[in-house]
Amino acid sequence: MNSRITKSALILSLVGLSTSLFAQDVNSDTTKRFDKKDFRTWSIGLNGGMLTHYTPFNNRANGDFSTPQESWGYGGYIKKQILPGFGIQADFLAGKVKGLRANNPDGTTQAGTSFETRIDWSAAVSGNFTIANMSLNHKRTVLSPYLTAGAGYMSSSANTNAIGTAAVPAGNTGYGEHWFIPVGAGFKVGLSKGVNLDLGYTVNFMKTNNFDGVQSAANDKFTYAHAGVEIALGKRGTSQLQNFSAVAAVREESAAESAELRRALSTSEQNRLRDQEQYAKDMGDEDGDGVANKFDKCPGTPANTTVDGAGCPLKTPKQIIKEKVIVTAEDRRVVDEAIRNLEFDLSKATIRPTSYNTLNRVAALLVEKNFSLKLAGHTDNTGSMALNLRLSKDRAEAIKTYLVSQGANASRIEATGYGPNQPIASNKTAAGRQKNRRVEFSLF
């Protein structure tokens, strides 16, 4: 009665576990390299093989019977892979274990004696330790050695055939239930992303000395050498977690990221060269009239022609009247505010839009009062002399060009670059270098 109850409980447990396997959530696959990856972590296996009471751990007499007999057994398992190198599996096993020639206490054997133990059912839970794939080039391994160890419970009965001695009583022990410890090793061969060939060998250490029908001082043992197939459950096309090489995956992703960064740097350099070429074209003054090409509405003006702020010749030259120029405190405040708000792009002569408002006031002042303006560009001593001289000159020219575009007279604005040659503070400190990077405005 107890055997039937235990069988029913085992069957219900396996059915419930199988239902949970097929009901598991499967995340949608993604082609994005750095998204979370999906793996098949559940699998089922079926196997068949040879059962025998011989094990590598038997004593010299080979247990209670000296001659093992191989017989067929069959089994299966359900496994959950938790890490690439570790999983938990539930095993079942059935079959018969046989042996011949019982051992006598004096070291002799008894001819005509034998035993046959029938395993009615057997269930065990084991940890499966996979030797993870360490390939540098392949994310999915083909050969995966593994070790298993766990604990189980089984129902079995033993029949003994003896010549009637007291050491080996003839008869049937009846079904009994016992604990056992399965320890095994094997390897799996990946046939595809979802199918593995499973070859293994398990030694089962019984927690009883009457498994073979003969009570002895030591507990009995038997082995199961099997071959079978493992089928992964989950989304089609995804790899099994136990066959996944994290080393190869990291290497592949690092190589892809490196290539992407190189492409980005190459694109950035091409854009920089294009912008530099465009800037040189826009800020150049091909006709030498003091108005940059970008703002010159009358390109090709003859040399020494007086032009207006748009680069077009003046129809009637204005009479030059020399008068005393008076620069008021308010005029200096407008210029000082423009200097404080002046910002350029890093290492470029491109004026940032935040500076336009105060520069517009300076341009209005130049137009209204016909002031002359000297622009002096300065840098710190970071970088080469040639680079700093060019940068300071370009920044002064960029301010002149902008003021002219707002209506100021180009002929009354002088732009000069001094590079690092006229520091106002020490270049040995960050604060000093910040003060030295400037453009000075001088009204006269």
Foldseek 3Di string as FASTA:
>chain_A
DVVVVVVVVVVVVVVVVVVCQQVDDADDADPDLPDDHTAQFKKKKKKKFWKELADPPADPCRAQANFIDIDMKIKMWIWGHDALFKIKIKMKIWDKYKGAWTADPVGHTAHPKMKIKTWPMKIWMKMKGWPADADQADFFAFKIKIKIKTKMKTKMKMAMTHPPDPQQHGDIPDIDMWMKMKIKIWMWGDPDQFKIKTWMKIKIFTPAQCSHPGRDDGGTIMMTTIIIMMGTDHDPPHHHNNRGHPNNSVSVSVVVVVVVVVVVVVVVVVVVVVVVVVCCQQQPQVQPQLAGPVQAPDHPDHPPAFDWLSNHGDPDDDDDDDDDADQDPVNVVLQVVLFVQWDAPPLALHTDPSSLVSLLVNLVVCVVRVKAKEKEFEAAPPDDQVSQQVRRQSNQSSSLNSSSSSGHGSVRYHGGYDYNPDQPADSPDPVSRVRRGGMDMDID
